[in-house]
Amino acid sequence: LVSLLLIGIAAWGISFGLISSFRLVGVAVAVGIFLFIIALVGLIGAVKHHQVLLFFYMIILLLVFIVQFSVSCACLTLNKEQQSQLLEVTWNNTDSTRTDIERHLNCCGLRVFDPNETCSSECFSSGHCQPCAPIVEEYSGMVLRFVGGIGLFFSFTEILGVWLTYRYRNQKDPRANPSAFL
């Protein structure tokens, strides 16, 4: 479900022109495909009661839980100062992100509007643009809380999946010989 959601959101974002970074879309699609393959491994392992597939599924799901839980906690614990520093580093290091932000949010410059710099927003032609930092900081705080909460929810469902896989893996195979022991 999460894998299909990742692939769908990436396709939706690029089709509506919200995301122009093919690298970001490529990463989202690659992670979605990876999670889909892992889910198939778990499904095949459960249907066939295959011990090795279930073991690898359990280990990979545990690693995904650790990464997702840490990223979710990081999203939820970033304060305004850290968000501002992250925004400034991103603004200074990537031109494509800067032009996307200026175009979509109709603002120019990070902290102050300088009419001598180039800007891709519509307000640049009139000369009355507001800086992008206040708008982006408002959106980023909201998005980080949303992403962190959703990630935390799904990370706990993953740890439940690890526990259930562990329990199912150690059960006796119902198709096996009744006198055989696992």
N, C-alpha and C. Protein backbone atom coordinates (compact mmCIF):
# COMPACT_ATOMS: atom_id res chain seq x y z
N LEU A 1 0.83 -1.19 0.00
CA LEU A 1 0.00 0.00 0.00
C LEU A 1 0.87 1.26 0.00
N VAL A 2 1.89 1.28 0.86
CA VAL A 2 2.77 2.44 0.93
C VAL A 2 3.56 2.58 -0.36
N SER A 3 3.98 1.45 -0.94
CA SER A 3 4.75 1.52 -2.18
C SER A 3 3.91 2.09 -3.32
N LEU A 4 2.68 1.64 -3.44
CA LEU A 4 1.81 2.17 -4.49
C LEU A 4 1.47 3.63 -4.25
N LEU A 5 1.36 4.01 -2.97
CA LEU A 5 1.11 5.40 -2.63
C LEU A 5 2.28 6.29 -3.03
N LEU A 6 3.50 5.83 -2.78
CA LEU A 6 4.70 6.59 -3.18
C LEU A 6 4.77 6.77 -4.69
N ILE A 7 4.55 5.70 -5.42
CA ILE A 7 4.61 5.77 -6.88
C ILE A 7 3.49 6.68 -7.40
N GLY A 8 2.31 6.57 -6.84
CA GLY A 8 1.18 7.38 -7.27
C GLY A 8 1.38 8.86 -6.99
N ILE A 9 1.91 9.20 -5.81
CA ILE A 9 2.14 10.61 -5.48
C ILE A 9 3.22 11.21 -6.38
N ALA A 10 4.26 10.43 -6.66
CA ALA A 10 5.31 10.92 -7.56
C ALA A 10 4.75 11.17 -8.96
N ALA A 11 3.93 10.26 -9.45
CA ALA A 11 3.33 10.44 -10.78
C ALA A 11 2.36 11.62 -10.79
N TRP A 12 1.60 11.77 -9.72
CA TRP A 12 0.65 12.89 -9.62
C TRP A 12 1.40 14.22 -9.58
N GLY A 13 2.47 14.29 -8.79
CA GLY A 13 3.24 15.52 -8.68
C GLY A 13 3.89 15.94 -9.98
N ILE A 14 4.38 14.98 -10.74
CA ILE A 14 5.03 15.34 -12.01
C ILE A 14 3.99 15.64 -13.09
N SER A 15 2.83 14.99 -13.04
CA SER A 15 1.82 15.24 -14.06
C SER A 15 1.17 16.62 -13.90
N PHE A 16 1.05 17.10 -12.67
CA PHE A 16 0.47 18.42 -12.46
C PHE A 16 1.52 19.52 -12.43
N GLY A 17 2.78 19.16 -12.63
CA GLY A 17 3.84 20.16 -12.68
C GLY A 17 4.27 20.67 -11.32
N LEU A 18 3.88 19.99 -10.25
CA LEU A 18 4.27 20.41 -8.91
C LEU A 18 5.72 20.07 -8.61
N ILE A 19 6.20 19.00 -9.21
CA ILE A 19 7.57 18.56 -9.00
C ILE A 19 8.27 18.54 -10.35
N SER A 20 9.37 19.25 -10.43
CA SER A 20 10.10 19.24 -11.70
C SER A 20 11.43 18.52 -11.58
N SER A 21 11.78 18.09 -10.39
CA SER A 21 13.04 17.40 -10.18
C SER A 21 12.86 15.91 -10.49
N PHE A 22 13.46 15.47 -11.58
CA PHE A 22 13.35 14.06 -11.95
C PHE A 22 14.11 13.18 -10.98
N ARG A 23 15.11 13.72 -10.32
CA ARG A 23 15.86 12.97 -9.32
C ARG A 23 14.95 12.63 -8.14
N LEU A 24 14.17 13.60 -7.67
CA LEU A 24 13.26 13.37 -6.56
C LEU A 24 12.18 12.36 -6.94
N VAL A 25 11.63 12.49 -8.12
CA VAL A 25 10.61 11.55 -8.59
C VAL A 25 11.21 10.16 -8.76
N GLY A 26 12.42 10.10 -9.30
CA GLY A 26 13.09 8.81 -9.48
C GLY A 26 13.34 8.10 -8.15
N VAL A 27 13.74 8.85 -7.14
CA VAL A 27 13.97 8.25 -5.82
C VAL A 27 12.66 7.75 -5.24
N ALA A 28 11.59 8.53 -5.35
CA ALA A 28 10.29 8.12 -4.82
C ALA A 28 9.79 6.85 -5.52
N VAL A 29 9.93 6.80 -6.83
CA VAL A 29 9.49 5.62 -7.57
C VAL A 29 10.36 4.41 -7.24
N ALA A 30 11.67 4.62 -7.12
CA ALA A 30 12.58 3.51 -6.78
C ALA A 30 12.27 2.95 -5.40
N VAL A 31 12.02 3.82 -4.43
CA VAL A 31 11.67 3.35 -3.08
C VAL A 31 10.33 2.62 -3.12
N GLY A 32 9.38 3.14 -3.90
CA GLY A 32 8.09 2.47 -4.04
C GLY A 32 8.21 1.09 -4.64
N ILE A 33 9.03 0.95 -5.68
CA ILE A 33 9.23 -0.36 -6.32
C ILE A 33 9.94 -1.31 -5.35
N PHE A 34 10.93 -0.80 -4.62
CA PHE A 34 11.64 -1.63 -3.63
C PHE A 34 10.67 -2.15 -2.57
N LEU A 35 9.82 -1.27 -2.04
CA LEU A 35 8.85 -1.70 -1.03
C LEU A 35 7.83 -2.69 -1.60
N PHE A 36 7.46 -2.51 -2.86
CA PHE A 36 6.53 -3.43 -3.49
C PHE A 36 7.15 -4.81 -3.65
N ILE A 37 8.42 -4.87 -4.04
CA ILE A 37 9.10 -6.16 -4.18
C ILE A 37 9.24 -6.84 -2.81
N ILE A 38 9.55 -6.06 -1.79
CA ILE A 38 9.67 -6.62 -0.43
C ILE A 38 8.32 -7.17 0.02
N ALA A 39 7.24 -6.46 -0.28
CA ALA A 39 5.91 -6.95 0.08
C ALA A 39 5.59 -8.25 -0.65
N LEU A 40 5.99 -8.35 -1.92
CA LEU A 40 5.77 -9.60 -2.67
C LEU A 40 6.57 -10.76 -2.06
N VAL A 41 7.80 -10.49 -1.63
CA VAL A 41 8.61 -11.52 -0.99
C VAL A 41 7.91 -12.01 0.28
N GLY A 42 7.37 -11.08 1.06
CA GLY A 42 6.65 -11.47 2.27
C GLY A 42 5.39 -12.26 1.96
N LEU A 43 4.69 -11.86 0.93
CA LEU A 43 3.47 -12.57 0.54
C LEU A 43 3.77 -13.97 0.06
N ILE A 44 4.77 -14.11 -0.80
CA ILE A 44 5.14 -15.45 -1.30
C ILE A 44 5.65 -16.31 -0.15
N GLY A 45 6.44 -15.72 0.75
CA GLY A 45 6.94 -16.47 1.89
C GLY A 45 5.83 -16.94 2.80
N ALA A 46 4.80 -16.11 2.98
CA ALA A 46 3.68 -16.50 3.84
C ALA A 46 2.82 -17.57 3.18
N VAL A 47 2.56 -17.44 1.88
CA VAL A 47 1.72 -18.41 1.19
C VAL A 47 2.39 -19.77 1.14
N LYS A 48 3.67 -19.79 0.84
CA LYS A 48 4.39 -21.06 0.72
C LYS A 48 4.99 -21.52 2.05
N HIS A 49 4.86 -20.70 3.09
CA HIS A 49 5.45 -20.97 4.40
C HIS A 49 6.94 -21.28 4.25
N HIS A 50 7.61 -20.43 3.49
CA HIS A 50 9.02 -20.59 3.19
C HIS A 50 9.83 -19.85 4.26
N GLN A 51 10.59 -20.59 5.04
CA GLN A 51 11.31 -20.05 6.19
C GLN A 51 12.34 -18.98 5.80
N VAL A 52 13.08 -19.23 4.73
CA VAL A 52 14.14 -18.30 4.34
C VAL A 52 13.56 -16.97 3.83
N LEU A 53 12.53 -17.04 2.98
CA LEU A 53 11.89 -15.82 2.49
C LEU A 53 11.29 -15.03 3.63
N LEU A 54 10.66 -15.71 4.58
CA LEU A 54 10.08 -15.01 5.73
C LEU A 54 11.16 -14.37 6.59
N PHE A 55 12.29 -15.04 6.73
CA PHE A 55 13.39 -14.48 7.52
C PHE A 55 13.92 -13.20 6.86
N PHE A 56 14.18 -13.25 5.54
CA PHE A 56 14.69 -12.07 4.85
C PHE A 56 13.65 -10.94 4.84
N TYR A 57 12.39 -11.30 4.69
CA TYR A 57 11.33 -10.30 4.75
C TYR A 57 11.31 -9.62 6.11
N MET A 58 11.45 -10.42 7.16
CA MET A 58 11.43 -9.88 8.52
C MET A 58 12.63 -8.96 8.76
N ILE A 59 13.81 -9.34 8.31
CA ILE A 59 15.00 -8.52 8.51
C ILE A 59 14.92 -7.22 7.72
N ILE A 60 14.51 -7.31 6.46
CA ILE A 60 14.41 -6.10 5.63
C ILE A 60 13.32 -5.18 6.17
N LEU A 61 12.21 -5.73 6.62
CA LEU A 61 11.14 -4.92 7.19
C LEU A 61 11.61 -4.25 8.48
N LEU A 62 12.43 -4.93 9.25
CA LEU A 62 12.98 -4.32 10.46
C LEU A 62 13.92 -3.16 10.10
N LEU A 63 14.75 -3.33 9.07
CA LEU A 63 15.62 -2.24 8.64
C LEU A 63 14.82 -1.05 8.10
N VAL A 64 13.77 -1.33 7.34
CA VAL A 64 12.90 -0.27 6.84
C VAL A 64 12.23 0.45 8.01
N PHE A 65 11.82 -0.29 9.04
CA PHE A 65 11.24 0.32 10.23
C PHE A 65 12.22 1.27 10.89
N ILE A 66 13.47 0.84 11.05
CA ILE A 66 14.47 1.67 11.72
C ILE A 66 14.69 2.97 10.95
N VAL A 67 14.84 2.87 9.62
CA VAL A 67 15.06 4.07 8.81
C VAL A 67 13.83 4.97 8.85
N GLN A 68 12.66 4.39 8.67
CA GLN A 68 11.45 5.20 8.63
C GLN A 68 11.15 5.83 9.98
N PHE A 69 11.38 5.11 11.06
CA PHE A 69 11.14 5.66 12.40
C PHE A 69 12.09 6.82 12.67
N SER A 70 13.38 6.67 12.29
CA SER A 70 14.32 7.75 12.54
C SER A 70 14.03 8.98 11.69
N VAL A 71 13.64 8.78 10.44
CA VAL A 71 13.30 9.93 9.60
C VAL A 71 12.04 10.62 10.12
N SER A 72 11.07 9.85 10.57
CA SER A 72 9.84 10.43 11.11
C SER A 72 10.12 11.23 12.37
N CYS A 73 10.94 10.68 13.24
CA CYS A 73 11.29 11.41 14.46
C CYS A 73 12.07 12.68 14.13
N ALA A 74 12.94 12.61 13.14
CA ALA A 74 13.69 13.80 12.74
C ALA A 74 12.75 14.87 12.18
N CYS A 75 11.76 14.46 11.40
CA CYS A 75 10.78 15.41 10.86
C CYS A 75 9.98 16.08 11.97
N LEU A 76 9.64 15.32 12.98
CA LEU A 76 8.83 15.86 14.07
C LEU A 76 9.62 16.71 15.06
N THR A 77 10.94 16.53 15.12
CA THR A 77 11.72 17.25 16.12
C THR A 77 12.46 18.47 15.58
N LEU A 78 12.40 18.74 14.28
CA LEU A 78 13.05 19.93 13.75
C LEU A 78 12.36 21.18 14.27
N ASN A 79 13.11 22.08 14.89
CA ASN A 79 12.52 23.33 15.35
C ASN A 79 12.63 24.39 14.25
N LYS A 80 12.09 25.57 14.51
CA LYS A 80 12.05 26.63 13.49
C LYS A 80 13.45 27.06 13.04
N GLU A 81 14.39 27.12 13.97
CA GLU A 81 15.75 27.52 13.62
C GLU A 81 16.41 26.49 12.70
N GLN A 82 16.23 25.23 13.01
CA GLN A 82 16.81 24.17 12.17
C GLN A 82 16.16 24.14 10.80
N GLN A 83 14.84 24.35 10.75
CA GLN A 83 14.15 24.41 9.47
C GLN A 83 14.68 25.59 8.64
N SER A 84 14.92 26.72 9.29
CA SER A 84 15.43 27.90 8.60
C SER A 84 16.83 27.64 8.05
N GLN A 85 17.69 26.98 8.83
CA GLN A 85 19.04 26.66 8.35
C GLN A 85 18.99 25.68 7.17
N LEU A 86 18.12 24.69 7.27
CA LEU A 86 17.97 23.72 6.18
C LEU A 86 17.46 24.41 4.91
N LEU A 87 16.52 25.33 5.07
CA LEU A 87 16.00 26.08 3.93
C LEU A 87 17.10 26.92 3.29
N GLU A 88 17.92 27.56 4.09
CA GLU A 88 18.98 28.40 3.54
C GLU A 88 20.03 27.58 2.79
N VAL A 89 20.40 26.43 3.34
CA VAL A 89 21.37 25.57 2.66
C VAL A 89 20.79 25.08 1.34
N THR A 90 19.54 24.65 1.35
CA THR A 90 18.89 24.17 0.13
C THR A 90 18.77 25.29 -0.90
N TRP A 91 18.41 26.47 -0.44
CA TRP A 91 18.24 27.62 -1.34
C TRP A 91 19.55 27.98 -2.03
N ASN A 92 20.65 27.92 -1.30
CA ASN A 92 21.94 28.33 -1.85
C ASN A 92 22.58 27.26 -2.72
N ASN A 93 22.18 26.00 -2.56
CA ASN A 93 22.87 24.91 -3.28
C ASN A 93 22.13 24.37 -4.49
N THR A 94 20.86 24.67 -4.65
CA THR A 94 20.13 24.11 -5.79
C THR A 94 19.36 25.20 -6.52
N ASP A 95 19.68 25.36 -7.80
CA ASP A 95 18.98 26.35 -8.61
C ASP A 95 17.60 25.89 -9.04
N SER A 96 17.44 24.59 -9.32
CA SER A 96 16.15 24.11 -9.79
C SER A 96 15.10 24.22 -8.68
N THR A 97 15.48 23.93 -7.44
CA THR A 97 14.53 24.05 -6.34
C THR A 97 14.16 25.51 -6.12
N ARG A 98 15.13 26.39 -6.25
CA ARG A 98 14.87 27.82 -6.07
C ARG A 98 13.87 28.32 -7.10
N THR A 99 14.07 27.96 -8.37
CA THR A 99 13.14 28.44 -9.40
C THR A 99 11.75 27.82 -9.24
N ASP A 100 11.69 26.56 -8.81
CA ASP A 100 10.38 25.93 -8.55
C ASP A 100 9.64 26.66 -7.44
N ILE A 101 10.34 26.96 -6.36
CA ILE A 101 9.71 27.65 -5.23
C ILE A 101 9.24 29.03 -5.64
N GLU A 102 10.10 29.76 -6.34
CA GLU A 102 9.72 31.11 -6.76
C GLU A 102 8.53 31.09 -7.72
N ARG A 103 8.50 30.14 -8.61
CA ARG A 103 7.41 30.07 -9.59
C ARG A 103 6.09 29.66 -8.94
N HIS A 104 6.13 28.64 -8.07
CA HIS A 104 4.88 28.12 -7.49
C HIS A 104 4.34 28.99 -6.36
N LEU A 105 5.20 29.64 -5.59
CA LEU A 105 4.74 30.44 -4.46
C LEU A 105 4.67 31.93 -4.78
N ASN A 106 5.06 32.31 -6.00
CA ASN A 106 5.00 33.70 -6.45
C ASN A 106 5.75 34.64 -5.50
N CYS A 107 7.03 34.33 -5.29
CA CYS A 107 7.88 35.13 -4.43
C CYS A 107 9.27 35.19 -5.05
N CYS A 108 10.11 36.13 -4.56
CA CYS A 108 11.46 36.28 -5.10
C CYS A 108 12.45 36.50 -3.96
N GLY A 109 13.58 35.84 -4.05
CA GLY A 109 14.62 35.98 -3.02
C GLY A 109 14.27 35.20 -1.77
N LEU A 110 15.30 34.90 -0.99
CA LEU A 110 15.05 34.12 0.22
C LEU A 110 14.56 35.01 1.36
N ARG A 111 15.39 35.94 1.79
CA ARG A 111 15.03 36.80 2.93
C ARG A 111 14.58 38.19 2.49
N VAL A 112 15.17 38.70 1.41
CA VAL A 112 14.81 40.04 0.91
C VAL A 112 14.64 39.97 -0.61
N PHE A 113 13.77 40.83 -1.12
CA PHE A 113 13.54 40.91 -2.56
C PHE A 113 14.53 41.88 -3.17
N ASP A 114 15.33 41.41 -4.11
CA ASP A 114 16.31 42.25 -4.82
C ASP A 114 15.88 42.32 -6.29
N PRO A 115 15.44 43.50 -6.76
CA PRO A 115 14.99 43.60 -8.16
C PRO A 115 16.10 43.40 -9.19
N ASN A 116 17.37 43.42 -8.76
CA ASN A 116 18.49 43.24 -9.70
C ASN A 116 18.77 41.77 -9.99
N GLU A 117 18.26 40.87 -9.17
CA GLU A 117 18.47 39.44 -9.41
C GLU A 117 17.40 38.91 -10.34
N THR A 118 17.65 37.74 -10.92
CA THR A 118 16.65 37.12 -11.79
C THR A 118 15.69 36.31 -10.94
N CYS A 119 14.46 36.27 -11.38
CA CYS A 119 13.42 35.55 -10.65
C CYS A 119 12.42 35.01 -11.66
N SER A 120 11.87 33.83 -11.38
CA SER A 120 10.96 33.21 -12.34
C SER A 120 9.49 33.33 -11.93
N SER A 121 9.18 34.17 -10.97
CA SER A 121 7.78 34.31 -10.54
C SER A 121 7.08 35.39 -11.35
N GLU A 122 5.75 35.39 -11.28
CA GLU A 122 4.95 36.35 -12.03
C GLU A 122 5.04 37.76 -11.44
N CYS A 123 5.27 37.85 -10.13
CA CYS A 123 5.30 39.16 -9.48
C CYS A 123 6.58 39.93 -9.81
N PHE A 124 7.58 39.28 -10.39
CA PHE A 124 8.85 39.95 -10.69
C PHE A 124 8.68 41.05 -11.71
N SER A 125 7.77 40.87 -12.64
CA SER A 125 7.56 41.90 -13.67
C SER A 125 6.98 43.18 -13.08
N SER A 126 6.18 43.07 -12.04
CA SER A 126 5.62 44.27 -11.40
C SER A 126 6.59 44.90 -10.41
N GLY A 127 7.57 44.13 -9.93
CA GLY A 127 8.56 44.68 -9.01
C GLY A 127 8.13 44.67 -7.56
N HIS A 128 6.99 44.07 -7.27
CA HIS A 128 6.49 44.02 -5.90
C HIS A 128 6.33 42.57 -5.46
N CYS A 129 7.43 41.96 -5.08
CA CYS A 129 7.41 40.57 -4.62
C CYS A 129 7.77 40.51 -3.15
N GLN A 130 7.24 39.52 -2.52
CA GLN A 130 7.62 39.29 -1.13
C GLN A 130 8.69 38.21 -1.08
N PRO A 131 9.52 38.19 -0.03
CA PRO A 131 10.55 37.14 0.07
C PRO A 131 9.92 35.77 0.30
N CYS A 132 10.64 34.74 -0.09
CA CYS A 132 10.11 33.38 -0.04
C CYS A 132 10.21 32.72 1.33
N ALA A 133 11.14 33.15 2.16
CA ALA A 133 11.41 32.46 3.43
C ALA A 133 10.16 32.34 4.32
N PRO A 134 9.39 33.41 4.56
CA PRO A 134 8.23 33.24 5.45
C PRO A 134 7.19 32.26 4.91
N ILE A 135 6.98 32.28 3.60
CA ILE A 135 5.99 31.38 3.00
C ILE A 135 6.47 29.93 3.09
N VAL A 136 7.73 29.70 2.73
CA VAL A 136 8.27 28.34 2.74
C VAL A 136 8.34 27.80 4.16
N GLU A 137 8.72 28.62 5.13
CA GLU A 137 8.81 28.16 6.52
C GLU A 137 7.44 27.77 7.06
N GLU A 138 6.41 28.50 6.66
CA GLU A 138 5.05 28.14 7.08
C GLU A 138 4.64 26.79 6.50
N TYR A 139 4.87 26.61 5.20
CA TYR A 139 4.54 25.34 4.55
C TYR A 139 5.40 24.19 5.05
N SER A 140 6.69 24.45 5.24
CA SER A 140 7.59 23.36 5.63
C SER A 140 7.26 22.84 7.02
N GLY A 141 6.90 23.70 7.94
CA GLY A 141 6.53 23.23 9.28
C GLY A 141 5.30 22.33 9.22
N MET A 142 4.32 22.73 8.43
CA MET A 142 3.11 21.94 8.29
C MET A 142 3.40 20.60 7.61
N VAL A 143 4.20 20.62 6.55
CA VAL A 143 4.51 19.40 5.81
C VAL A 143 5.36 18.45 6.65
N LEU A 144 6.33 18.99 7.40
CA LEU A 144 7.16 18.13 8.24
C LEU A 144 6.35 17.43 9.32
N ARG A 145 5.40 18.13 9.92
CA ARG A 145 4.54 17.49 10.93
C ARG A 145 3.66 16.42 10.29
N PHE A 146 3.13 16.69 9.10
CA PHE A 146 2.28 15.73 8.41
C PHE A 146 3.07 14.49 8.01
N VAL A 147 4.23 14.70 7.37
CA VAL A 147 5.06 13.58 6.92
C VAL A 147 5.58 12.78 8.11
N GLY A 148 5.98 13.47 9.17
CA GLY A 148 6.46 12.78 10.36
C GLY A 148 5.37 11.94 11.01
N GLY A 149 4.16 12.46 11.09
CA GLY A 149 3.05 11.70 11.67
C GLY A 149 2.67 10.49 10.85
N ILE A 150 2.57 10.67 9.55
CA ILE A 150 2.25 9.54 8.66
C ILE A 150 3.36 8.49 8.70
N GLY A 151 4.60 8.94 8.68
CA GLY A 151 5.73 8.01 8.74
C GLY A 151 5.76 7.25 10.05
N LEU A 152 5.43 7.94 11.15
CA LEU A 152 5.40 7.27 12.46
C LEU A 152 4.30 6.22 12.51
N PHE A 153 3.14 6.55 11.95
CA PHE A 153 2.04 5.57 11.91
C PHE A 153 2.45 4.32 11.13
N PHE A 154 3.00 4.52 9.93
CA PHE A 154 3.37 3.37 9.12
C PHE A 154 4.57 2.61 9.69
N SER A 155 5.44 3.30 10.43
CA SER A 155 6.56 2.57 11.03
C SER A 155 6.07 1.63 12.12
N PHE A 156 5.04 2.01 12.84
CA PHE A 156 4.51 1.10 13.85
C PHE A 156 3.74 -0.06 13.23
N THR A 157 3.14 0.17 12.07
CA THR A 157 2.52 -0.97 11.38
C THR A 157 3.59 -1.92 10.86
N GLU A 158 4.75 -1.38 10.52
CA GLU A 158 5.85 -2.25 10.06
C GLU A 158 6.41 -3.08 11.20
N ILE A 159 6.52 -2.51 12.39
CA ILE A 159 7.03 -3.31 13.51
C ILE A 159 6.00 -4.37 13.89
N LEU A 160 4.73 -4.08 13.70
CA LEU A 160 3.70 -5.11 13.88
C LEU A 160 3.87 -6.22 12.85
N GLY A 161 4.21 -5.86 11.62
CA GLY A 161 4.48 -6.84 10.57
C GLY A 161 5.69 -7.71 10.89
N VAL A 162 6.72 -7.10 11.48
CA VAL A 162 7.90 -7.88 11.88
C VAL A 162 7.51 -8.89 12.95
N TRP A 163 6.74 -8.44 13.93
CA TRP A 163 6.34 -9.34 15.02
C TRP A 163 5.45 -10.48 14.50
N LEU A 164 4.50 -10.15 13.62
CA LEU A 164 3.63 -11.19 13.07
C LEU A 164 4.41 -12.16 12.19
N THR A 165 5.37 -11.66 11.44
CA THR A 165 6.20 -12.54 10.61
C THR A 165 7.02 -13.47 11.48
N TYR A 166 7.56 -12.94 12.57
CA TYR A 166 8.33 -13.77 13.50
C TYR A 166 7.45 -14.88 14.08
N ARG A 167 6.24 -14.52 14.47
CA ARG A 167 5.31 -15.51 15.04
C ARG A 167 4.91 -16.56 14.00
N TYR A 168 4.60 -16.13 12.78
CA TYR A 168 4.17 -17.06 11.74
C TYR A 168 5.31 -17.95 11.29
N ARG A 169 6.52 -17.38 11.26
CA ARG A 169 7.68 -18.14 10.80
C ARG A 169 7.99 -19.30 11.74
N ASN A 170 7.72 -19.13 13.00
CA ASN A 170 8.03 -20.17 13.98
C ASN A 170 6.88 -21.15 14.20
N GLN A 171 5.81 -21.03 13.43
CA GLN A 171 4.72 -21.99 13.52
C GLN A 171 5.03 -23.21 12.68
N LYS A 172 4.38 -24.26 13.02
CA LYS A 172 4.51 -25.50 12.26
C LYS A 172 3.75 -25.35 10.94
N ASP A 173 4.33 -25.85 9.85
CA ASP A 173 3.71 -25.77 8.55
C ASP A 173 2.52 -26.72 8.52
N PRO A 174 1.30 -26.24 8.25
CA PRO A 174 0.13 -27.12 8.27
C PRO A 174 0.15 -28.16 7.14
N ARG A 175 0.89 -27.95 6.08
CA ARG A 175 0.94 -28.90 4.97
C ARG A 175 2.01 -29.97 5.18
N ALA A 176 2.82 -29.76 6.19
CA ALA A 176 3.92 -30.71 6.42
C ALA A 176 3.39 -32.00 7.05
N ASN A 177 4.25 -32.97 7.11
CA ASN A 177 3.93 -34.25 7.74
C ASN A 177 3.63 -33.98 9.22
N PRO A 178 2.51 -34.48 9.75
CA PRO A 178 2.15 -34.19 11.14
C PRO A 178 3.19 -34.68 12.15
N SER A 179 3.94 -35.66 11.81
CA SER A 179 4.94 -36.13 12.74
C SER A 179 6.26 -35.38 12.62
N ALA A 180 6.37 -34.51 11.59
CA ALA A 180 7.59 -33.73 11.42
C ALA A 180 7.57 -32.54 12.37
N PHE A 181 8.73 -32.16 12.83
CA PHE A 181 8.86 -31.02 13.72
C PHE A 181 9.71 -29.96 13.06
N LEU A 182 9.31 -28.70 13.23
CA LEU A 182 10.08 -27.60 12.61
C LEU A 182 11.40 -27.44 13.26
